[in-house]
Structures are given as structure tokens and as C-alpha cells.
Amino acid sequence: MIKEWDLIESKLDRDYKVFKIKVEQSLSPRTNRIGRFYVIDTNDWVNVVPVTDKGEVVMIKQYRHGSKRVTLEIPGGLVDNESPEKAATRELLEETGYEGDSITYLGCVNPNPAIFNNLCHTYLVQNAKVVSEKNLDDDEDIEVVHVPAGEIPSLIADGTINHALVVLAFHFYFSKGAGVSCGD
């Protein structure tokens, strides 16, 4: 039976503003040896699936430095000193200028438990509509686009939408919120 490892030591290695790198030593219950691991310590994230009263998903196009490509995604970002639901509402407004009539929790995942210690929460916002201008960070350049919800599966299948957490958010959406709750 697999058992949890005992944490022996955790030290901050580097701080990169939006995440920190920790070096941790943990004791293996199987071998009784200490292993060394690197953990990316960051706040939880949120993703928002905003849908208009016409059944269109409010999506964003933006350049991503990791992939060196313009991606088609949904609004999202870091949870600051707030609940994930408030972060979802804030990120949607900042990145698109949209708000909606209701917000529903669809589920969450651990983005990569091998190296990340955070969760990504997904929310549905219904009857999304423009209420203000975008309020972008200096390092953001975002174009808002509407995509009929029925076209999303083919955009995933052809690789147009290839951000793993966005694909998962749409899984939750099309599964009617069949995601798991990770707690807030």
C-alpha cells in the first residue's frame, strides 16, 4: 500500500514573483531514504467559462511566452488574497470587461501534482455581457472573441484550443459541472 512521505525539510530556493521554487527533502516510507524534490509554490488559479445569452463563449486570444504562440483560451489567472470565486469574477472583468448574472462552480484539478502545490478552480458565468473596458496588466495583450459553444469540441479536436487547463474547463462545462470539488 502506498503511503505518504514524511517532509523532513522545506527551503525557499528562488522567488519569481508569481511563483517560488522550494527544495524539499522527504523520507520514503518504502526505502527509508531521503529524497530531494523541487516544488513550484504558487497561489491557486481560476478559469472562467463565460457564456452569453446567445450561447457564445467569451474567449480571449493572447500571446504566451512559453509556447511562443497566440493562444485561444478562456479568462483566468491567479487567486490573490480572495476566494477563488471572487478571483474568477475579477479576472473575467479585468481581461474582458464582461460580467454575468450568475457564477457556478464547475470543479477543480491539481494542475501537475508532481511539481505544483496549487489547484485550478473552474467557474461558469452565465449571461455574460460587456459592462466596462478591459483593465489589462502591463504585460497582457488580449483580444476578446465570441465562439459558439457548439464549435468548442472541434476547436479542441483540431488543436486550436490546446491549453490543457482550458480543455479541462470545457470538459467540466460539457459534463454539466461533473468536476470534483477541491474545497476553498
N, C-alpha and C. Protein backbone atom coordinates (compact mmCIF):
# COMPACT_ATOMS: atom_id res chain seq x y z
N MET A 1 0.84 -1.18 0.00
CA MET A 1 0.00 0.00 0.00
C MET A 1 0.89 1.25 0.00
N ILE A 2 0.58 2.20 -0.88
CA ILE A 2 1.34 3.44 -0.98
C ILE A 2 1.03 4.32 0.22
N LYS A 3 2.08 4.87 0.80
CA LYS A 3 1.93 5.76 1.96
C LYS A 3 2.49 7.13 1.63
N GLU A 4 2.03 8.14 2.34
CA GLU A 4 2.57 9.48 2.17
C GLU A 4 3.98 9.54 2.74
N TRP A 5 4.81 10.40 2.17
CA TRP A 5 6.18 10.58 2.62
C TRP A 5 6.21 11.64 3.71
N ASP A 6 7.11 11.49 4.67
CA ASP A 6 7.29 12.50 5.72
C ASP A 6 8.20 13.61 5.22
N LEU A 7 7.73 14.85 5.34
CA LEU A 7 8.54 16.00 4.96
C LEU A 7 9.58 16.25 6.04
N ILE A 8 10.85 16.27 5.65
CA ILE A 8 11.96 16.48 6.57
C ILE A 8 12.35 17.96 6.61
N GLU A 9 12.43 18.57 5.41
CA GLU A 9 12.87 19.95 5.32
C GLU A 9 12.30 20.59 4.05
N SER A 10 11.97 21.87 4.15
CA SER A 10 11.50 22.64 3.00
C SER A 10 12.17 24.01 3.06
N LYS A 11 12.90 24.35 1.99
CA LYS A 11 13.62 25.63 1.94
C LYS A 11 13.26 26.37 0.67
N LEU A 12 13.14 27.69 0.80
CA LEU A 12 12.93 28.53 -0.37
C LEU A 12 14.23 28.59 -1.17
N ASP A 13 14.15 28.29 -2.46
CA ASP A 13 15.31 28.35 -3.33
C ASP A 13 15.32 29.66 -4.12
N ARG A 14 14.18 29.98 -4.78
CA ARG A 14 14.07 31.20 -5.59
C ARG A 14 12.64 31.74 -5.51
N ASP A 15 12.52 33.06 -5.61
CA ASP A 15 11.22 33.72 -5.64
C ASP A 15 11.11 34.48 -6.96
N TYR A 16 10.14 34.08 -7.78
CA TYR A 16 9.96 34.67 -9.10
C TYR A 16 8.66 35.47 -9.22
N LYS A 17 8.20 36.07 -8.17
CA LYS A 17 7.01 36.93 -8.11
C LYS A 17 5.72 36.11 -8.19
N VAL A 18 5.43 35.45 -9.30
CA VAL A 18 4.18 34.70 -9.41
C VAL A 18 4.30 33.26 -8.92
N PHE A 19 5.51 32.82 -8.65
CA PHE A 19 5.72 31.51 -8.04
C PHE A 19 7.07 31.48 -7.36
N LYS A 20 7.24 30.52 -6.46
CA LYS A 20 8.51 30.30 -5.76
C LYS A 20 8.92 28.86 -6.01
N ILE A 21 10.22 28.64 -5.97
CA ILE A 21 10.75 27.27 -6.06
C ILE A 21 11.22 26.88 -4.66
N LYS A 22 10.69 25.76 -4.18
CA LYS A 22 11.12 25.21 -2.90
C LYS A 22 11.92 23.93 -3.16
N VAL A 23 12.94 23.72 -2.34
CA VAL A 23 13.69 22.47 -2.35
C VAL A 23 13.27 21.72 -1.09
N GLU A 24 12.74 20.54 -1.29
CA GLU A 24 12.23 19.77 -0.15
C GLU A 24 12.91 18.41 -0.06
N GLN A 25 13.08 17.97 1.17
CA GLN A 25 13.60 16.63 1.42
C GLN A 25 12.52 15.87 2.17
N SER A 26 12.22 14.68 1.66
CA SER A 26 11.18 13.85 2.26
C SER A 26 11.68 12.42 2.41
N LEU A 27 11.17 11.76 3.42
CA LEU A 27 11.57 10.39 3.74
C LEU A 27 10.62 9.39 3.09
N SER A 28 11.20 8.48 2.29
CA SER A 28 10.41 7.43 1.64
C SER A 28 10.01 6.37 2.66
N PRO A 29 8.72 6.08 2.79
CA PRO A 29 8.30 5.03 3.72
C PRO A 29 8.69 3.63 3.24
N ARG A 30 8.95 3.49 1.94
CA ARG A 30 9.32 2.19 1.39
C ARG A 30 10.80 1.89 1.59
N THR A 31 11.67 2.87 1.25
CA THR A 31 13.11 2.63 1.30
C THR A 31 13.77 3.19 2.56
N ASN A 32 13.04 4.04 3.27
CA ASN A 32 13.56 4.74 4.44
C ASN A 32 14.75 5.64 4.07
N ARG A 33 14.78 6.10 2.83
CA ARG A 33 15.81 7.02 2.36
C ARG A 33 15.19 8.39 2.11
N ILE A 34 16.03 9.40 2.19
CA ILE A 34 15.58 10.78 1.97
C ILE A 34 15.77 11.13 0.49
N GLY A 35 14.69 11.64 -0.12
CA GLY A 35 14.75 12.10 -1.50
C GLY A 35 14.67 13.62 -1.54
N ARG A 36 15.25 14.20 -2.60
CA ARG A 36 15.25 15.65 -2.77
C ARG A 36 14.30 16.00 -3.93
N PHE A 37 13.42 16.99 -3.70
CA PHE A 37 12.39 17.33 -4.68
C PHE A 37 12.30 18.85 -4.83
N TYR A 38 11.89 19.28 -6.02
CA TYR A 38 11.67 20.70 -6.29
C TYR A 38 10.17 20.90 -6.45
N VAL A 39 9.64 21.87 -5.71
CA VAL A 39 8.20 22.14 -5.73
C VAL A 39 7.99 23.58 -6.18
N ILE A 40 7.07 23.76 -7.13
CA ILE A 40 6.67 25.11 -7.54
C ILE A 40 5.53 25.52 -6.64
N ASP A 41 5.79 26.52 -5.81
CA ASP A 41 4.84 27.01 -4.82
C ASP A 41 4.15 28.25 -5.39
N THR A 42 2.85 28.15 -5.63
CA THR A 42 2.11 29.27 -6.21
C THR A 42 0.68 29.29 -5.69
N ASN A 43 0.03 30.43 -5.86
CA ASN A 43 -1.37 30.55 -5.48
C ASN A 43 -2.22 29.65 -6.36
N ASP A 44 -3.44 29.39 -5.91
CA ASP A 44 -4.39 28.70 -6.75
C ASP A 44 -4.69 29.54 -7.98
N TRP A 45 -5.20 28.89 -9.01
CA TRP A 45 -5.59 29.55 -10.25
C TRP A 45 -7.09 29.41 -10.45
N VAL A 46 -7.64 30.26 -11.31
CA VAL A 46 -9.04 30.13 -11.70
C VAL A 46 -9.15 30.19 -13.22
N ASN A 47 -10.14 29.51 -13.74
CA ASN A 47 -10.55 29.58 -15.13
C ASN A 47 -12.04 29.90 -15.15
N VAL A 48 -12.46 30.68 -16.14
CA VAL A 48 -13.86 31.08 -16.23
C VAL A 48 -14.38 30.73 -17.62
N VAL A 49 -15.51 30.03 -17.66
CA VAL A 49 -16.21 29.78 -18.91
C VAL A 49 -17.39 30.75 -18.94
N PRO A 50 -17.22 31.91 -19.60
CA PRO A 50 -18.30 32.89 -19.66
C PRO A 50 -19.15 32.66 -20.92
N VAL A 51 -20.46 32.51 -20.74
CA VAL A 51 -21.35 32.22 -21.85
C VAL A 51 -22.39 33.34 -21.96
N THR A 52 -22.56 33.86 -23.18
CA THR A 52 -23.53 34.93 -23.41
C THR A 52 -24.94 34.35 -23.49
N ASP A 53 -25.94 35.23 -23.53
CA ASP A 53 -27.32 34.77 -23.65
C ASP A 53 -27.59 34.15 -25.03
N LYS A 54 -26.66 34.31 -25.99
CA LYS A 54 -26.78 33.69 -27.31
C LYS A 54 -26.05 32.35 -27.40
N GLY A 55 -25.51 31.88 -26.26
CA GLY A 55 -24.80 30.60 -26.25
C GLY A 55 -23.39 30.66 -26.79
N GLU A 56 -22.81 31.86 -26.80
CA GLU A 56 -21.43 32.00 -27.25
C GLU A 56 -20.50 32.09 -26.05
N VAL A 57 -19.35 31.47 -26.16
CA VAL A 57 -18.35 31.52 -25.10
C VAL A 57 -17.47 32.75 -25.36
N VAL A 58 -17.31 33.57 -24.32
CA VAL A 58 -16.43 34.72 -24.41
C VAL A 58 -15.02 34.21 -24.17
N MET A 59 -14.20 34.24 -25.23
CA MET A 59 -12.84 33.71 -25.15
C MET A 59 -11.84 34.82 -25.39
N ILE A 60 -10.59 34.52 -25.13
CA ILE A 60 -9.53 35.51 -25.32
C ILE A 60 -8.41 34.91 -26.16
N LYS A 61 -7.82 35.78 -26.96
CA LYS A 61 -6.60 35.43 -27.68
C LYS A 61 -5.48 36.23 -27.04
N GLN A 62 -4.37 35.55 -26.77
CA GLN A 62 -3.22 36.25 -26.21
C GLN A 62 -1.93 35.50 -26.54
N TYR A 63 -0.84 36.24 -26.56
CA TYR A 63 0.46 35.64 -26.81
C TYR A 63 0.97 35.00 -25.53
N ARG A 64 1.47 33.79 -25.64
CA ARG A 64 2.03 33.07 -24.49
C ARG A 64 3.52 32.88 -24.71
N HIS A 65 4.30 33.35 -23.76
CA HIS A 65 5.75 33.33 -23.90
C HIS A 65 6.34 31.91 -23.82
N GLY A 66 5.69 31.02 -23.09
CA GLY A 66 6.19 29.65 -23.01
C GLY A 66 6.14 28.93 -24.34
N SER A 67 4.99 29.01 -25.01
CA SER A 67 4.81 28.32 -26.29
C SER A 67 5.22 29.18 -27.49
N LYS A 68 5.42 30.48 -27.24
CA LYS A 68 5.77 31.43 -28.31
C LYS A 68 4.68 31.48 -29.38
N ARG A 69 3.42 31.41 -28.94
CA ARG A 69 2.27 31.40 -29.85
C ARG A 69 1.12 32.23 -29.27
N VAL A 70 0.25 32.67 -30.17
CA VAL A 70 -1.02 33.27 -29.76
C VAL A 70 -1.97 32.11 -29.50
N THR A 71 -2.60 32.10 -28.35
CA THR A 71 -3.49 31.00 -27.97
C THR A 71 -4.93 31.48 -27.91
N LEU A 72 -5.86 30.54 -28.02
CA LEU A 72 -7.28 30.78 -27.82
C LEU A 72 -7.63 30.12 -26.49
N GLU A 73 -8.03 30.95 -25.53
CA GLU A 73 -8.27 30.47 -24.16
C GLU A 73 -9.54 31.09 -23.60
N ILE A 74 -9.79 30.78 -22.35
CA ILE A 74 -10.83 31.43 -21.58
C ILE A 74 -10.15 32.32 -20.55
N PRO A 75 -10.85 33.31 -20.01
CA PRO A 75 -10.25 34.16 -18.99
C PRO A 75 -9.85 33.35 -17.76
N GLY A 76 -8.81 33.83 -17.09
CA GLY A 76 -8.37 33.15 -15.87
C GLY A 76 -7.13 33.81 -15.32
N GLY A 77 -6.69 33.31 -14.18
CA GLY A 77 -5.48 33.85 -13.57
C GLY A 77 -5.29 33.39 -12.15
N LEU A 78 -4.44 34.13 -11.46
CA LEU A 78 -4.10 33.81 -10.07
C LEU A 78 -5.18 34.24 -9.09
N VAL A 79 -5.36 33.44 -8.06
CA VAL A 79 -6.18 33.83 -6.92
C VAL A 79 -5.28 34.65 -6.01
N ASP A 80 -5.64 35.91 -5.78
CA ASP A 80 -4.86 36.76 -4.88
C ASP A 80 -5.36 36.52 -3.45
N ASN A 81 -5.47 37.52 -2.66
CA ASN A 81 -5.99 37.39 -1.29
C ASN A 81 -7.51 37.48 -1.31
N GLU A 82 -8.13 36.43 -1.88
CA GLU A 82 -9.58 36.41 -2.10
C GLU A 82 -10.00 34.96 -2.29
N SER A 83 -11.30 34.74 -2.35
CA SER A 83 -11.79 33.40 -2.65
C SER A 83 -11.61 33.11 -4.13
N PRO A 84 -11.55 31.85 -4.53
CA PRO A 84 -11.47 31.54 -5.96
C PRO A 84 -12.64 32.13 -6.75
N GLU A 85 -13.84 32.14 -6.17
CA GLU A 85 -14.99 32.70 -6.88
C GLU A 85 -14.81 34.20 -7.15
N LYS A 86 -14.33 34.93 -6.16
CA LYS A 86 -14.08 36.37 -6.35
C LYS A 86 -12.97 36.59 -7.38
N ALA A 87 -11.95 35.74 -7.35
CA ALA A 87 -10.87 35.84 -8.34
C ALA A 87 -11.40 35.60 -9.75
N ALA A 88 -12.31 34.64 -9.90
CA ALA A 88 -12.89 34.35 -11.21
C ALA A 88 -13.67 35.56 -11.73
N THR A 89 -14.46 36.17 -10.87
CA THR A 89 -15.23 37.36 -11.25
C THR A 89 -14.29 38.50 -11.62
N ARG A 90 -13.25 38.70 -10.83
CA ARG A 90 -12.28 39.77 -11.07
C ARG A 90 -11.53 39.55 -12.39
N GLU A 91 -11.01 38.34 -12.59
CA GLU A 91 -10.25 38.05 -13.81
C GLU A 91 -11.12 38.22 -15.06
N LEU A 92 -12.37 37.77 -15.00
CA LEU A 92 -13.27 37.93 -16.14
C LEU A 92 -13.45 39.40 -16.48
N LEU A 93 -13.69 40.23 -15.48
CA LEU A 93 -13.89 41.66 -15.70
C LEU A 93 -12.61 42.33 -16.21
N GLU A 94 -11.47 42.01 -15.58
CA GLU A 94 -10.21 42.64 -15.99
C GLU A 94 -9.82 42.28 -17.42
N GLU A 95 -9.93 41.01 -17.78
CA GLU A 95 -9.44 40.55 -19.07
C GLU A 95 -10.40 40.79 -20.23
N THR A 96 -11.71 40.91 -19.92
CA THR A 96 -12.69 41.03 -20.99
C THR A 96 -13.62 42.23 -20.87
N GLY A 97 -13.81 42.76 -19.66
CA GLY A 97 -14.82 43.80 -19.43
C GLY A 97 -16.21 43.22 -19.27
N TYR A 98 -16.33 41.90 -19.11
CA TYR A 98 -17.62 41.22 -19.01
C TYR A 98 -17.94 40.85 -17.55
N GLU A 99 -19.23 40.80 -17.27
CA GLU A 99 -19.79 40.22 -16.04
C GLU A 99 -20.99 39.39 -16.46
N GLY A 100 -21.53 38.63 -15.51
CA GLY A 100 -22.70 37.81 -15.82
C GLY A 100 -23.72 37.84 -14.71
N ASP A 101 -24.84 37.15 -14.94
CA ASP A 101 -25.93 37.11 -13.96
C ASP A 101 -25.66 36.14 -12.83
N SER A 102 -24.91 35.09 -13.12
CA SER A 102 -24.66 34.08 -12.09
C SER A 102 -23.30 33.44 -12.31
N ILE A 103 -22.76 32.89 -11.22
CA ILE A 103 -21.49 32.17 -11.30
C ILE A 103 -21.67 30.83 -10.62
N THR A 104 -21.23 29.77 -11.29
CA THR A 104 -21.41 28.41 -10.79
C THR A 104 -20.06 27.69 -10.78
N TYR A 105 -19.76 27.04 -9.67
CA TYR A 105 -18.52 26.26 -9.55
C TYR A 105 -18.66 24.98 -10.35
N LEU A 106 -17.71 24.73 -11.26
CA LEU A 106 -17.76 23.52 -12.07
C LEU A 106 -16.83 22.42 -11.56
N GLY A 107 -15.76 22.80 -10.87
CA GLY A 107 -14.83 21.79 -10.37
C GLY A 107 -13.42 22.31 -10.31
N CYS A 108 -12.52 21.47 -9.86
CA CYS A 108 -11.11 21.87 -9.82
C CYS A 108 -10.20 20.66 -10.01
N VAL A 109 -8.95 20.98 -10.33
CA VAL A 109 -7.94 19.95 -10.52
C VAL A 109 -6.62 20.45 -9.93
N ASN A 110 -5.71 19.51 -9.71
CA ASN A 110 -4.34 19.84 -9.37
C ASN A 110 -3.59 19.85 -10.69
N PRO A 111 -3.11 21.03 -11.15
CA PRO A 111 -2.52 21.12 -12.49
C PRO A 111 -1.39 20.13 -12.79
N ASN A 112 -0.51 19.89 -11.85
CA ASN A 112 0.55 18.91 -12.03
C ASN A 112 1.09 18.57 -10.64
N PRO A 113 0.54 17.55 -9.99
CA PRO A 113 0.92 17.25 -8.61
C PRO A 113 2.37 16.82 -8.43
N ALA A 114 3.06 16.52 -9.52
CA ALA A 114 4.47 16.15 -9.41
C ALA A 114 5.33 17.34 -9.00
N ILE A 115 4.95 18.55 -9.45
CA ILE A 115 5.80 19.70 -9.16
C ILE A 115 5.05 20.93 -8.65
N PHE A 116 3.73 21.01 -8.84
CA PHE A 116 2.95 22.17 -8.37
C PHE A 116 2.21 21.82 -7.09
N ASN A 117 2.02 22.82 -6.22
CA ASN A 117 1.29 22.58 -4.98
C ASN A 117 -0.06 23.30 -4.96
N ASN A 118 -0.56 23.75 -6.11
CA ASN A 118 -1.79 24.53 -6.15
C ASN A 118 -2.92 23.79 -6.84
N LEU A 119 -4.08 24.45 -6.88
CA LEU A 119 -5.26 23.93 -7.54
C LEU A 119 -5.71 24.92 -8.61
N CYS A 120 -6.45 24.43 -9.59
CA CYS A 120 -7.08 25.30 -10.59
C CYS A 120 -8.59 25.07 -10.51
N HIS A 121 -9.32 26.13 -10.14
CA HIS A 121 -10.77 26.09 -9.99
C HIS A 121 -11.43 26.61 -11.26
N THR A 122 -12.52 25.98 -11.68
CA THR A 122 -13.22 26.39 -12.90
C THR A 122 -14.65 26.82 -12.55
N TYR A 123 -15.05 27.95 -13.13
CA TYR A 123 -16.38 28.52 -12.90
C TYR A 123 -17.08 28.78 -14.23
N LEU A 124 -18.39 28.69 -14.19
CA LEU A 124 -19.25 29.05 -15.31
C LEU A 124 -19.93 30.37 -14.96
N VAL A 125 -19.87 31.33 -15.87
CA VAL A 125 -20.59 32.59 -15.72
C VAL A 125 -21.61 32.65 -16.86
N GLN A 126 -22.89 32.74 -16.50
CA GLN A 126 -23.96 32.76 -17.49
C GLN A 126 -24.44 34.17 -17.78
N ASN A 127 -24.99 34.34 -18.98
CA ASN A 127 -25.49 35.64 -19.45
C ASN A 127 -24.41 36.72 -19.37
N ALA A 128 -23.22 36.36 -19.82
CA ALA A 128 -22.09 37.29 -19.79
C ALA A 128 -22.35 38.44 -20.77
N LYS A 129 -22.03 39.65 -20.31
CA LYS A 129 -22.22 40.83 -21.15
C LYS A 129 -21.18 41.88 -20.79
N VAL A 130 -20.87 42.74 -21.75
CA VAL A 130 -19.89 43.81 -21.54
C VAL A 130 -20.46 44.83 -20.56
N VAL A 131 -19.66 45.17 -19.54
CA VAL A 131 -20.07 46.21 -18.58
C VAL A 131 -19.01 47.29 -18.43
N SER A 132 -17.81 47.04 -18.96
CA SER A 132 -16.74 48.04 -18.85
C SER A 132 -15.66 47.75 -19.88
N GLU A 133 -14.66 48.60 -19.89
CA GLU A 133 -13.47 48.36 -20.71
C GLU A 133 -12.62 47.31 -20.03
N LYS A 134 -11.75 46.66 -20.80
CA LYS A 134 -10.78 45.75 -20.20
C LYS A 134 -9.83 46.56 -19.31
N ASN A 135 -9.28 45.91 -18.30
CA ASN A 135 -8.31 46.54 -17.41
C ASN A 135 -7.09 45.62 -17.33
N LEU A 136 -6.27 45.65 -18.37
CA LEU A 136 -5.17 44.69 -18.52
C LEU A 136 -3.93 45.11 -17.73
N ASP A 137 -3.19 44.10 -17.29
CA ASP A 137 -1.87 44.34 -16.71
C ASP A 137 -0.95 44.83 -17.82
N ASP A 138 0.16 45.46 -17.44
CA ASP A 138 1.11 45.98 -18.44
C ASP A 138 1.64 44.88 -19.36
N ASP A 139 1.74 43.66 -18.87
CA ASP A 139 2.31 42.57 -19.66
C ASP A 139 1.25 41.73 -20.37
N GLU A 140 0.00 42.21 -20.41
CA GLU A 140 -1.07 41.48 -21.09
C GLU A 140 -1.47 42.23 -22.36
N ASP A 141 -1.78 41.46 -23.40
CA ASP A 141 -2.31 41.98 -24.64
C ASP A 141 -3.37 40.97 -25.06
N ILE A 142 -4.64 41.33 -24.87
CA ILE A 142 -5.74 40.38 -25.03
C ILE A 142 -6.77 40.89 -26.02
N GLU A 143 -7.20 39.98 -26.91
CA GLU A 143 -8.31 40.23 -27.81
C GLU A 143 -9.48 39.35 -27.38
N VAL A 144 -10.65 39.94 -27.23
CA VAL A 144 -11.85 39.19 -26.85
C VAL A 144 -12.55 38.71 -28.12
N VAL A 145 -12.91 37.43 -28.14
CA VAL A 145 -13.65 36.85 -29.27
C VAL A 145 -14.80 36.01 -28.73
N HIS A 146 -15.87 35.89 -29.52
CA HIS A 146 -17.00 35.04 -29.17
C HIS A 146 -16.95 33.79 -30.03
N VAL A 147 -17.13 32.64 -29.40
CA VAL A 147 -17.13 31.37 -30.11
C VAL A 147 -18.40 30.62 -29.73
N PRO A 148 -19.23 30.23 -30.71
CA PRO A 148 -20.40 29.43 -30.38
C PRO A 148 -19.99 28.17 -29.60
N ALA A 149 -20.69 27.90 -28.52
CA ALA A 149 -20.33 26.77 -27.64
C ALA A 149 -20.25 25.46 -28.42
N GLY A 150 -21.11 25.29 -29.41
CA GLY A 150 -21.11 24.06 -30.20
C GLY A 150 -19.86 23.85 -31.03
N GLU A 151 -19.08 24.91 -31.26
CA GLU A 151 -17.85 24.79 -32.04
C GLU A 151 -16.63 24.41 -31.19
N ILE A 152 -16.77 24.50 -29.88
CA ILE A 152 -15.62 24.25 -28.98
C ILE A 152 -15.04 22.85 -29.17
N PRO A 153 -15.85 21.78 -29.19
CA PRO A 153 -15.24 20.45 -29.35
C PRO A 153 -14.37 20.31 -30.60
N SER A 154 -14.80 20.90 -31.71
CA SER A 154 -13.98 20.78 -32.93
C SER A 154 -12.70 21.62 -32.83
N LEU A 155 -12.76 22.75 -32.11
CA LEU A 155 -11.55 23.56 -31.90
C LEU A 155 -10.55 22.85 -30.99
N ILE A 156 -11.05 22.05 -30.08
CA ILE A 156 -10.16 21.22 -29.25
C ILE A 156 -9.59 20.08 -30.10
N ALA A 157 -10.45 19.44 -30.87
CA ALA A 157 -10.01 18.30 -31.69
C ALA A 157 -8.96 18.70 -32.72
N ASP A 158 -9.08 19.91 -33.29
CA ASP A 158 -8.10 20.30 -34.32
C ASP A 158 -6.88 21.02 -33.74
N GLY A 159 -6.81 21.16 -32.41
CA GLY A 159 -5.64 21.75 -31.77
C GLY A 159 -5.66 23.26 -31.66
N THR A 160 -6.72 23.91 -32.13
CA THR A 160 -6.81 25.36 -31.99
C THR A 160 -6.83 25.74 -30.51
N ILE A 161 -7.59 25.00 -29.73
CA ILE A 161 -7.58 25.15 -28.27
C ILE A 161 -6.73 24.00 -27.74
N ASN A 162 -5.52 24.32 -27.22
CA ASN A 162 -4.64 23.24 -26.76
C ASN A 162 -4.06 23.47 -25.37
N HIS A 163 -4.54 24.48 -24.68
CA HIS A 163 -4.12 24.73 -23.30
C HIS A 163 -4.82 23.68 -22.43
N ALA A 164 -4.05 22.85 -21.76
CA ALA A 164 -4.61 21.70 -21.04
C ALA A 164 -5.68 22.10 -20.03
N LEU A 165 -5.46 23.17 -19.28
CA LEU A 165 -6.43 23.57 -18.27
C LEU A 165 -7.70 24.15 -18.89
N VAL A 166 -7.60 24.71 -20.08
CA VAL A 166 -8.77 25.21 -20.80
C VAL A 166 -9.57 24.02 -21.33
N VAL A 167 -8.87 23.03 -21.89
CA VAL A 167 -9.54 21.82 -22.37
C VAL A 167 -10.30 21.17 -21.21
N LEU A 168 -9.67 21.10 -20.05
CA LEU A 168 -10.32 20.51 -18.89
C LEU A 168 -11.53 21.33 -18.44
N ALA A 169 -11.41 22.66 -18.48
CA ALA A 169 -12.54 23.52 -18.12
C ALA A 169 -13.73 23.22 -19.02
N PHE A 170 -13.47 23.02 -20.31
CA PHE A 170 -14.57 22.69 -21.22
C PHE A 170 -15.11 21.30 -20.96
N HIS A 171 -14.29 20.38 -20.51
CA HIS A 171 -14.79 19.07 -20.08
C HIS A 171 -15.79 19.25 -18.95
N PHE A 172 -15.43 20.05 -17.95
CA PHE A 172 -16.36 20.33 -16.85
C PHE A 172 -17.64 20.98 -17.38
N TYR A 173 -17.50 21.94 -18.28
CA TYR A 173 -18.66 22.65 -18.83
C TYR A 173 -19.59 21.70 -19.57
N PHE A 174 -19.05 20.90 -20.48
CA PHE A 174 -19.89 20.00 -21.26
C PHE A 174 -20.40 18.81 -20.43
N SER A 175 -19.76 18.54 -19.32
CA SER A 175 -20.22 17.48 -18.41
C SER A 175 -21.19 18.02 -17.38
N LYS A 176 -21.60 19.26 -17.56
CA LYS A 176 -22.55 19.92 -16.66
C LYS A 176 -22.02 20.01 -15.24
N GLY A 177 -20.74 20.36 -15.13
CA GLY A 177 -20.17 20.56 -13.81
C GLY A 177 -19.88 19.27 -13.07
N ALA A 178 -19.55 18.23 -13.81
CA ALA A 178 -19.28 16.94 -13.19
C ALA A 178 -17.88 16.89 -12.58
N GLY A 179 -17.26 18.05 -12.38
CA GLY A 179 -15.93 18.11 -11.79
C GLY A 179 -15.97 17.87 -10.30
N VAL A 180 -14.82 17.67 -9.76
CA VAL A 180 -14.71 17.43 -8.33
C VAL A 180 -14.49 18.75 -7.59
N SER A 181 -14.93 18.80 -6.37
CA SER A 181 -14.70 19.97 -5.53
C SER A 181 -13.45 19.73 -4.73
N CYS A 182 -12.53 20.67 -4.81
CA CYS A 182 -11.28 20.55 -4.06
C CYS A 182 -11.34 21.35 -2.76
N GLY A 183 -12.44 22.04 -2.54
CA GLY A 183 -12.56 22.88 -1.34
C GLY A 183 -11.91 24.23 -1.57
N ASP A 184 -12.34 25.20 -0.84
CA ASP A 184 -11.78 26.55 -0.97
C ASP A 184 -11.02 26.94 0.27
